[in-house]
Amino acid sequence: MSGKILERYSGRASEPLAEALAASDSEGIEDLGGFGWLRSARDRSMMLELRKKTGDIVAIGYGWIDRIEFDPSKGITLKCGGQEIRIRGRNLNGEARPQVRLFQGLTRHRVPWVQEAAQGATLVADKQAPLIESIEW
């Protein structure tokens, strides 16, 4: 018993324990296709991962975001540190499920990641669901 406690706090966790800890972290995030959502109303994400379909990923700290704008014709614009990041797509302010909107989640730090849709996803995606077509930085 004490060996397992020692492993946990010494950073030398056994495989089953490491897997259990990773699973408990991911249980708090709901995958809504184009973005993740923190399930607990009290949880806040420290950073926002921006994932391109090419595999490129940029993470920005929510503390560095100065302004978030939504314009239906331009998409969502994040202004951080003099740089603009543009998220384009359809239904970006639509409900992914009741009471869950991408823009609202970004303003409340409840979105840990945003991801571009894969090729062809626009053809099979629900017309009412939010769809991330591109992320530009």
N, C-alpha and C. Protein backbone atom coordinates (compact mmCIF):
# COMPACT_ATOMS: atom_id res chain seq x y z
N MET A 1 0.83 -1.20 0.00
CA MET A 1 0.00 0.00 0.00
C MET A 1 0.86 1.25 0.00
N SER A 2 1.84 1.30 0.92
CA SER A 2 2.67 2.50 1.00
C SER A 2 3.54 2.65 -0.24
N GLY A 3 3.88 1.53 -0.89
CA GLY A 3 4.66 1.59 -2.12
C GLY A 3 3.90 2.31 -3.23
N LYS A 4 2.60 2.06 -3.33
CA LYS A 4 1.80 2.71 -4.36
C LYS A 4 1.66 4.20 -4.08
N ILE A 5 1.52 4.54 -2.82
CA ILE A 5 1.43 5.96 -2.47
C ILE A 5 2.75 6.65 -2.79
N LEU A 6 3.85 5.99 -2.47
CA LEU A 6 5.17 6.54 -2.77
C LEU A 6 5.35 6.71 -4.26
N GLU A 7 4.93 5.71 -5.06
CA GLU A 7 5.04 5.80 -6.51
C GLU A 7 4.22 6.98 -7.04
N ARG A 8 3.04 7.16 -6.49
CA ARG A 8 2.16 8.22 -6.97
C ARG A 8 2.76 9.60 -6.74
N TYR A 9 3.32 9.82 -5.58
CA TYR A 9 3.84 11.15 -5.25
C TYR A 9 5.30 11.36 -5.65
N SER A 10 6.00 10.28 -5.99
CA SER A 10 7.39 10.43 -6.41
C SER A 10 7.50 10.62 -7.91
N GLY A 11 6.39 10.48 -8.65
CA GLY A 11 6.42 10.64 -10.09
C GLY A 11 6.78 9.35 -10.80
N ARG A 12 6.89 8.25 -10.08
CA ARG A 12 7.23 6.96 -10.67
C ARG A 12 6.02 6.05 -10.64
N ALA A 13 4.94 6.52 -11.19
CA ALA A 13 3.69 5.77 -11.14
C ALA A 13 3.76 4.55 -12.04
N SER A 14 3.13 3.48 -11.59
CA SER A 14 3.05 2.29 -12.41
C SER A 14 2.10 2.56 -13.57
N GLU A 15 2.14 1.73 -14.58
CA GLU A 15 1.31 1.92 -15.77
C GLU A 15 -0.18 2.02 -15.46
N PRO A 16 -0.78 1.08 -14.68
CA PRO A 16 -2.21 1.19 -14.40
C PRO A 16 -2.58 2.49 -13.69
N LEU A 17 -1.74 2.92 -12.77
CA LEU A 17 -2.02 4.15 -12.04
C LEU A 17 -1.91 5.36 -12.97
N ALA A 18 -0.88 5.38 -13.81
CA ALA A 18 -0.70 6.48 -14.75
C ALA A 18 -1.88 6.57 -15.71
N GLU A 19 -2.34 5.41 -16.18
CA GLU A 19 -3.50 5.38 -17.09
C GLU A 19 -4.76 5.87 -16.39
N ALA A 20 -4.94 5.50 -15.14
CA ALA A 20 -6.12 5.93 -14.37
C ALA A 20 -6.10 7.43 -14.15
N LEU A 21 -4.93 7.99 -13.86
CA LEU A 21 -4.83 9.44 -13.66
C LEU A 21 -5.12 10.18 -14.96
N ALA A 22 -4.61 9.68 -16.09
CA ALA A 22 -4.86 10.32 -17.39
C ALA A 22 -6.34 10.25 -17.75
N ALA A 23 -6.98 9.10 -17.46
CA ALA A 23 -8.41 8.94 -17.75
C ALA A 23 -9.24 9.89 -16.92
N SER A 24 -8.87 10.09 -15.66
CA SER A 24 -9.66 10.99 -14.81
C SER A 24 -9.54 12.43 -15.30
N ASP A 25 -8.39 12.81 -15.88
CA ASP A 25 -8.24 14.15 -16.44
C ASP A 25 -9.12 14.33 -17.67
N SER A 26 -9.17 13.32 -18.54
CA SER A 26 -9.93 13.44 -19.77
C SER A 26 -11.43 13.32 -19.55
N GLU A 27 -11.86 12.74 -18.43
CA GLU A 27 -13.28 12.59 -18.15
C GLU A 27 -13.97 13.94 -17.98
N GLY A 28 -13.23 14.97 -17.62
CA GLY A 28 -13.81 16.28 -17.40
C GLY A 28 -13.99 17.10 -18.65
N ILE A 29 -13.55 16.57 -19.81
CA ILE A 29 -13.66 17.30 -21.08
C ILE A 29 -14.60 16.55 -22.01
N GLU A 30 -15.58 17.26 -22.52
CA GLU A 30 -16.52 16.68 -23.48
C GLU A 30 -16.08 17.07 -24.88
N ASP A 31 -15.98 16.10 -25.77
CA ASP A 31 -15.58 16.32 -27.16
C ASP A 31 -16.84 16.63 -27.97
N LEU A 32 -16.95 17.87 -28.46
CA LEU A 32 -18.11 18.27 -29.24
C LEU A 32 -17.79 18.36 -30.74
N GLY A 33 -16.79 17.63 -31.16
CA GLY A 33 -16.40 17.61 -32.57
C GLY A 33 -15.37 18.67 -32.89
N GLY A 34 -15.81 19.90 -33.02
CA GLY A 34 -14.90 21.00 -33.37
C GLY A 34 -14.22 21.65 -32.18
N PHE A 35 -14.70 21.37 -30.99
CA PHE A 35 -14.09 21.95 -29.80
C PHE A 35 -14.39 21.10 -28.57
N GLY A 36 -13.55 21.27 -27.56
CA GLY A 36 -13.75 20.58 -26.30
C GLY A 36 -14.47 21.50 -25.33
N TRP A 37 -15.15 20.90 -24.36
CA TRP A 37 -15.93 21.67 -23.38
C TRP A 37 -15.67 21.10 -22.00
N LEU A 38 -15.27 21.94 -21.06
CA LEU A 38 -15.08 21.49 -19.69
C LEU A 38 -16.45 21.28 -19.05
N ARG A 39 -16.70 20.09 -18.56
CA ARG A 39 -18.02 19.73 -18.04
C ARG A 39 -18.40 20.47 -16.77
N SER A 40 -17.47 20.61 -15.86
CA SER A 40 -17.79 21.26 -14.59
C SER A 40 -17.89 22.77 -14.79
N ALA A 41 -18.94 23.36 -14.27
CA ALA A 41 -19.14 24.80 -14.41
C ALA A 41 -18.06 25.59 -13.69
N ARG A 42 -17.37 24.97 -12.76
CA ARG A 42 -16.32 25.66 -12.01
C ARG A 42 -14.94 25.53 -12.65
N ASP A 43 -14.77 24.58 -13.58
CA ASP A 43 -13.47 24.39 -14.22
C ASP A 43 -13.17 25.51 -15.20
N ARG A 44 -11.91 25.88 -15.27
CA ARG A 44 -11.44 26.89 -16.22
C ARG A 44 -10.17 26.36 -16.86
N SER A 45 -10.06 26.54 -18.15
CA SER A 45 -8.86 26.11 -18.87
C SER A 45 -7.81 27.21 -18.77
N MET A 46 -6.57 26.81 -18.56
CA MET A 46 -5.47 27.77 -18.47
C MET A 46 -5.02 28.21 -19.86
N MET A 47 -5.08 27.27 -20.83
CA MET A 47 -4.64 27.55 -22.19
C MET A 47 -5.67 27.05 -23.18
N LEU A 48 -5.60 27.60 -24.38
CA LEU A 48 -6.47 27.20 -25.48
C LEU A 48 -5.58 26.60 -26.56
N GLU A 49 -5.81 25.33 -26.90
CA GLU A 49 -5.09 24.68 -27.99
C GLU A 49 -5.83 24.93 -29.28
N LEU A 50 -5.10 25.35 -30.30
CA LEU A 50 -5.65 25.55 -31.63
C LEU A 50 -5.04 24.48 -32.52
N ARG A 51 -5.86 23.55 -33.00
CA ARG A 51 -5.38 22.38 -33.74
C ARG A 51 -5.77 22.48 -35.21
N LYS A 52 -4.77 22.49 -36.08
CA LYS A 52 -5.03 22.50 -37.52
C LYS A 52 -5.12 21.07 -38.03
N LYS A 53 -5.78 20.88 -39.15
CA LYS A 53 -5.91 19.53 -39.70
C LYS A 53 -4.58 18.99 -40.22
N THR A 54 -3.59 19.87 -40.41
CA THR A 54 -2.25 19.45 -40.85
C THR A 54 -1.45 18.85 -39.70
N GLY A 55 -1.94 18.99 -38.48
CA GLY A 55 -1.22 18.48 -37.32
C GLY A 55 -0.53 19.58 -36.52
N ASP A 56 -0.47 20.79 -37.06
CA ASP A 56 0.13 21.91 -36.33
C ASP A 56 -0.78 22.30 -35.17
N ILE A 57 -0.17 22.57 -34.03
CA ILE A 57 -0.92 22.97 -32.83
C ILE A 57 -0.23 24.16 -32.20
N VAL A 58 -1.02 25.15 -31.81
CA VAL A 58 -0.53 26.29 -31.05
C VAL A 58 -1.40 26.39 -29.81
N ALA A 59 -0.78 26.62 -28.68
CA ALA A 59 -1.52 26.81 -27.44
C ALA A 59 -1.25 28.22 -26.94
N ILE A 60 -2.32 28.94 -26.62
CA ILE A 60 -2.17 30.30 -26.09
C ILE A 60 -2.83 30.35 -24.72
N GLY A 61 -2.23 31.10 -23.84
CA GLY A 61 -2.78 31.25 -22.51
C GLY A 61 -4.00 32.16 -22.55
N TYR A 62 -5.06 31.74 -21.88
CA TYR A 62 -6.26 32.59 -21.82
C TYR A 62 -5.93 33.96 -21.24
N GLY A 63 -4.95 34.02 -20.36
CA GLY A 63 -4.57 35.30 -19.77
C GLY A 63 -3.98 36.29 -20.76
N TRP A 64 -3.53 35.80 -21.92
CA TRP A 64 -2.96 36.67 -22.95
C TRP A 64 -4.00 37.16 -23.95
N ILE A 65 -5.22 36.63 -23.89
CA ILE A 65 -6.26 37.05 -24.84
C ILE A 65 -6.85 38.37 -24.35
N ASP A 66 -6.68 39.41 -25.19
CA ASP A 66 -7.18 40.75 -24.85
C ASP A 66 -8.65 40.93 -25.21
N ARG A 67 -9.04 40.29 -26.32
CA ARG A 67 -10.38 40.55 -26.85
C ARG A 67 -10.82 39.36 -27.71
N ILE A 68 -12.11 39.05 -27.64
CA ILE A 68 -12.70 38.01 -28.49
C ILE A 68 -13.90 38.63 -29.20
N GLU A 69 -13.90 38.54 -30.53
CA GLU A 69 -14.99 39.12 -31.31
C GLU A 69 -15.67 38.04 -32.14
N PHE A 70 -16.99 38.18 -32.30
CA PHE A 70 -17.72 37.30 -33.19
C PHE A 70 -18.45 38.14 -34.23
N ASP A 71 -18.19 37.84 -35.48
CA ASP A 71 -18.88 38.47 -36.61
C ASP A 71 -19.29 37.30 -37.51
N PRO A 72 -20.59 37.11 -37.74
CA PRO A 72 -21.02 35.95 -38.53
C PRO A 72 -20.35 35.85 -39.90
N SER A 73 -19.99 36.97 -40.51
CA SER A 73 -19.36 36.92 -41.83
C SER A 73 -17.86 36.66 -41.76
N LYS A 74 -17.22 36.95 -40.62
CA LYS A 74 -15.77 36.78 -40.49
C LYS A 74 -15.38 35.64 -39.56
N GLY A 75 -16.26 35.25 -38.67
CA GLY A 75 -15.96 34.20 -37.71
C GLY A 75 -15.61 34.77 -36.35
N ILE A 76 -14.81 34.03 -35.59
CA ILE A 76 -14.37 34.45 -34.27
C ILE A 76 -12.93 34.92 -34.37
N THR A 77 -12.66 36.10 -33.84
CA THR A 77 -11.31 36.65 -33.84
C THR A 77 -10.83 36.78 -32.41
N LEU A 78 -9.65 36.20 -32.14
CA LEU A 78 -9.00 36.32 -30.84
C LEU A 78 -7.84 37.29 -31.01
N LYS A 79 -7.80 38.30 -30.17
CA LYS A 79 -6.69 39.26 -30.22
C LYS A 79 -5.85 39.02 -28.97
N CYS A 80 -4.59 38.67 -29.20
CA CYS A 80 -3.72 38.38 -28.06
C CYS A 80 -2.29 38.81 -28.39
N GLY A 81 -1.78 39.67 -27.54
CA GLY A 81 -0.41 40.12 -27.69
C GLY A 81 -0.10 40.76 -29.03
N GLY A 82 -1.02 41.51 -29.58
CA GLY A 82 -0.81 42.15 -30.87
C GLY A 82 -1.03 41.24 -32.07
N GLN A 83 -1.36 40.01 -31.84
CA GLN A 83 -1.59 39.04 -32.91
C GLN A 83 -3.07 38.73 -33.00
N GLU A 84 -3.54 38.46 -34.22
CA GLU A 84 -4.93 38.05 -34.43
C GLU A 84 -4.98 36.59 -34.83
N ILE A 85 -5.89 35.88 -34.23
CA ILE A 85 -6.15 34.49 -34.58
C ILE A 85 -7.60 34.44 -35.03
N ARG A 86 -7.82 33.88 -36.22
CA ARG A 86 -9.17 33.84 -36.78
C ARG A 86 -9.66 32.40 -36.88
N ILE A 87 -10.85 32.18 -36.34
CA ILE A 87 -11.52 30.89 -36.43
C ILE A 87 -12.69 31.07 -37.37
N ARG A 88 -12.66 30.36 -38.49
CA ARG A 88 -13.72 30.48 -39.50
C ARG A 88 -14.50 29.17 -39.58
N GLY A 89 -15.77 29.30 -39.91
CA GLY A 89 -16.61 28.12 -40.04
C GLY A 89 -18.07 28.51 -40.10
N ARG A 90 -18.91 27.55 -39.82
CA ARG A 90 -20.34 27.84 -39.83
C ARG A 90 -20.94 27.54 -38.47
N ASN A 91 -21.99 28.27 -38.15
CA ASN A 91 -22.70 28.13 -36.87
C ASN A 91 -21.76 28.26 -35.68
N LEU A 92 -20.80 29.17 -35.75
CA LEU A 92 -19.83 29.33 -34.68
C LEU A 92 -20.46 29.87 -33.39
N ASN A 93 -21.63 30.46 -33.52
CA ASN A 93 -22.34 30.91 -32.32
C ASN A 93 -23.61 30.08 -32.10
N GLY A 94 -23.71 28.96 -32.82
CA GLY A 94 -24.85 28.07 -32.65
C GLY A 94 -24.62 27.11 -31.49
N GLU A 95 -25.68 26.52 -31.02
CA GLU A 95 -25.59 25.59 -29.90
C GLU A 95 -25.08 24.23 -30.37
N ALA A 96 -23.99 23.77 -29.76
CA ALA A 96 -23.48 22.43 -30.02
C ALA A 96 -24.37 21.41 -29.31
N ARG A 97 -24.90 21.82 -28.20
CA ARG A 97 -25.94 21.12 -27.43
C ARG A 97 -26.59 22.21 -26.60
N PRO A 98 -27.72 21.96 -25.95
CA PRO A 98 -28.39 23.03 -25.21
C PRO A 98 -27.46 23.76 -24.23
N GLN A 99 -27.47 25.06 -24.32
CA GLN A 99 -26.70 25.96 -23.45
C GLN A 99 -25.18 25.88 -23.65
N VAL A 100 -24.72 25.33 -24.78
CA VAL A 100 -23.28 25.23 -25.05
C VAL A 100 -22.99 25.86 -26.40
N ARG A 101 -22.30 27.00 -26.36
CA ARG A 101 -21.90 27.73 -27.57
C ARG A 101 -20.40 27.98 -27.53
N LEU A 102 -19.75 27.87 -28.68
CA LEU A 102 -18.30 28.06 -28.76
C LEU A 102 -17.88 29.44 -28.27
N PHE A 103 -18.50 30.49 -28.77
CA PHE A 103 -18.12 31.85 -28.37
C PHE A 103 -18.28 32.03 -26.87
N GLN A 104 -19.40 31.60 -26.34
CA GLN A 104 -19.66 31.70 -24.90
C GLN A 104 -18.60 30.93 -24.11
N GLY A 105 -18.24 29.75 -24.57
CA GLY A 105 -17.23 28.95 -23.89
C GLY A 105 -15.86 29.60 -23.90
N LEU A 106 -15.52 30.26 -25.00
CA LEU A 106 -14.24 30.97 -25.07
C LEU A 106 -14.21 32.13 -24.08
N THR A 107 -15.29 32.86 -23.98
CA THR A 107 -15.31 34.00 -23.06
C THR A 107 -15.28 33.56 -21.60
N ARG A 108 -15.67 32.34 -21.33
CA ARG A 108 -15.70 31.83 -19.95
C ARG A 108 -14.57 30.84 -19.65
N HIS A 109 -13.62 30.69 -20.58
CA HIS A 109 -12.46 29.81 -20.42
C HIS A 109 -12.85 28.34 -20.24
N ARG A 110 -13.94 27.94 -20.85
CA ARG A 110 -14.42 26.56 -20.72
C ARG A 110 -14.04 25.70 -21.92
N VAL A 111 -13.37 26.28 -22.91
CA VAL A 111 -12.97 25.56 -24.11
C VAL A 111 -11.46 25.30 -24.06
N PRO A 112 -11.04 24.04 -23.86
CA PRO A 112 -9.60 23.75 -23.80
C PRO A 112 -8.95 23.60 -25.17
N TRP A 113 -9.73 23.29 -26.21
CA TRP A 113 -9.17 23.15 -27.55
C TRP A 113 -10.23 23.42 -28.62
N VAL A 114 -9.73 23.88 -29.77
CA VAL A 114 -10.55 24.09 -30.96
C VAL A 114 -9.81 23.38 -32.09
N GLN A 115 -10.56 22.69 -32.96
CA GLN A 115 -9.93 21.85 -33.97
C GLN A 115 -10.59 22.04 -35.33
N GLU A 116 -9.78 22.19 -36.37
CA GLU A 116 -10.30 22.26 -37.72
C GLU A 116 -10.92 20.92 -38.11
N ALA A 117 -11.98 20.99 -38.89
CA ALA A 117 -12.63 19.77 -39.37
C ALA A 117 -11.78 19.12 -40.45
N ALA A 118 -11.81 17.81 -40.51
CA ALA A 118 -11.07 17.06 -41.53
C ALA A 118 -11.72 17.27 -42.90
N GLN A 119 -10.95 16.97 -43.94
CA GLN A 119 -11.48 17.06 -45.30
C GLN A 119 -12.75 16.23 -45.41
N GLY A 120 -13.76 16.76 -46.03
CA GLY A 120 -15.00 16.04 -46.24
C GLY A 120 -15.98 16.09 -45.08
N ALA A 121 -15.55 16.59 -43.94
CA ALA A 121 -16.45 16.64 -42.78
C ALA A 121 -17.59 17.62 -43.02
N THR A 122 -17.36 18.62 -43.84
CA THR A 122 -18.42 19.61 -44.12
C THR A 122 -19.60 18.96 -44.84
N LEU A 123 -19.34 17.89 -45.58
CA LEU A 123 -20.42 17.22 -46.31
C LEU A 123 -21.30 16.36 -45.41
N VAL A 124 -20.73 15.77 -44.38
CA VAL A 124 -21.48 14.85 -43.54
C VAL A 124 -21.92 15.47 -42.22
N ALA A 125 -21.41 16.64 -41.89
CA ALA A 125 -21.74 17.28 -40.61
C ALA A 125 -23.18 17.78 -40.61
N ASP A 126 -23.79 17.77 -39.43
CA ASP A 126 -25.13 18.31 -39.25
C ASP A 126 -25.12 19.79 -39.62
N LYS A 127 -26.08 20.24 -40.38
CA LYS A 127 -26.12 21.63 -40.86
C LYS A 127 -26.29 22.65 -39.73
N GLN A 128 -26.82 22.22 -38.59
CA GLN A 128 -27.03 23.13 -37.46
C GLN A 128 -25.86 23.14 -36.48
N ALA A 129 -24.98 22.16 -36.57
CA ALA A 129 -23.87 22.03 -35.63
C ALA A 129 -22.74 23.00 -35.99
N PRO A 130 -22.02 23.52 -34.99
CA PRO A 130 -20.85 24.35 -35.27
C PRO A 130 -19.79 23.51 -36.00
N LEU A 131 -19.14 24.12 -36.99
CA LEU A 131 -18.12 23.43 -37.77
C LEU A 131 -16.95 24.38 -37.98
N ILE A 132 -15.76 23.99 -37.57
CA ILE A 132 -14.56 24.80 -37.72
C ILE A 132 -13.92 24.46 -39.06
N GLU A 133 -13.97 25.39 -40.01
CA GLU A 133 -13.40 25.15 -41.33
C GLU A 133 -11.92 25.49 -41.37
N SER A 134 -11.51 26.57 -40.69
CA SER A 134 -10.10 26.95 -40.68
C SER A 134 -9.76 27.75 -39.44
N ILE A 135 -8.49 27.64 -39.05
CA ILE A 135 -7.92 28.44 -37.97
C ILE A 135 -6.67 29.09 -38.55
N GLU A 136 -6.57 30.41 -38.46
CA GLU A 136 -5.43 31.13 -39.02
C GLU A 136 -4.74 31.92 -37.92
N TRP A 137 -3.42 31.78 -37.87
CA TRP A 137 -2.63 32.58 -36.95
C TRP A 137 -1.42 33.13 -37.64
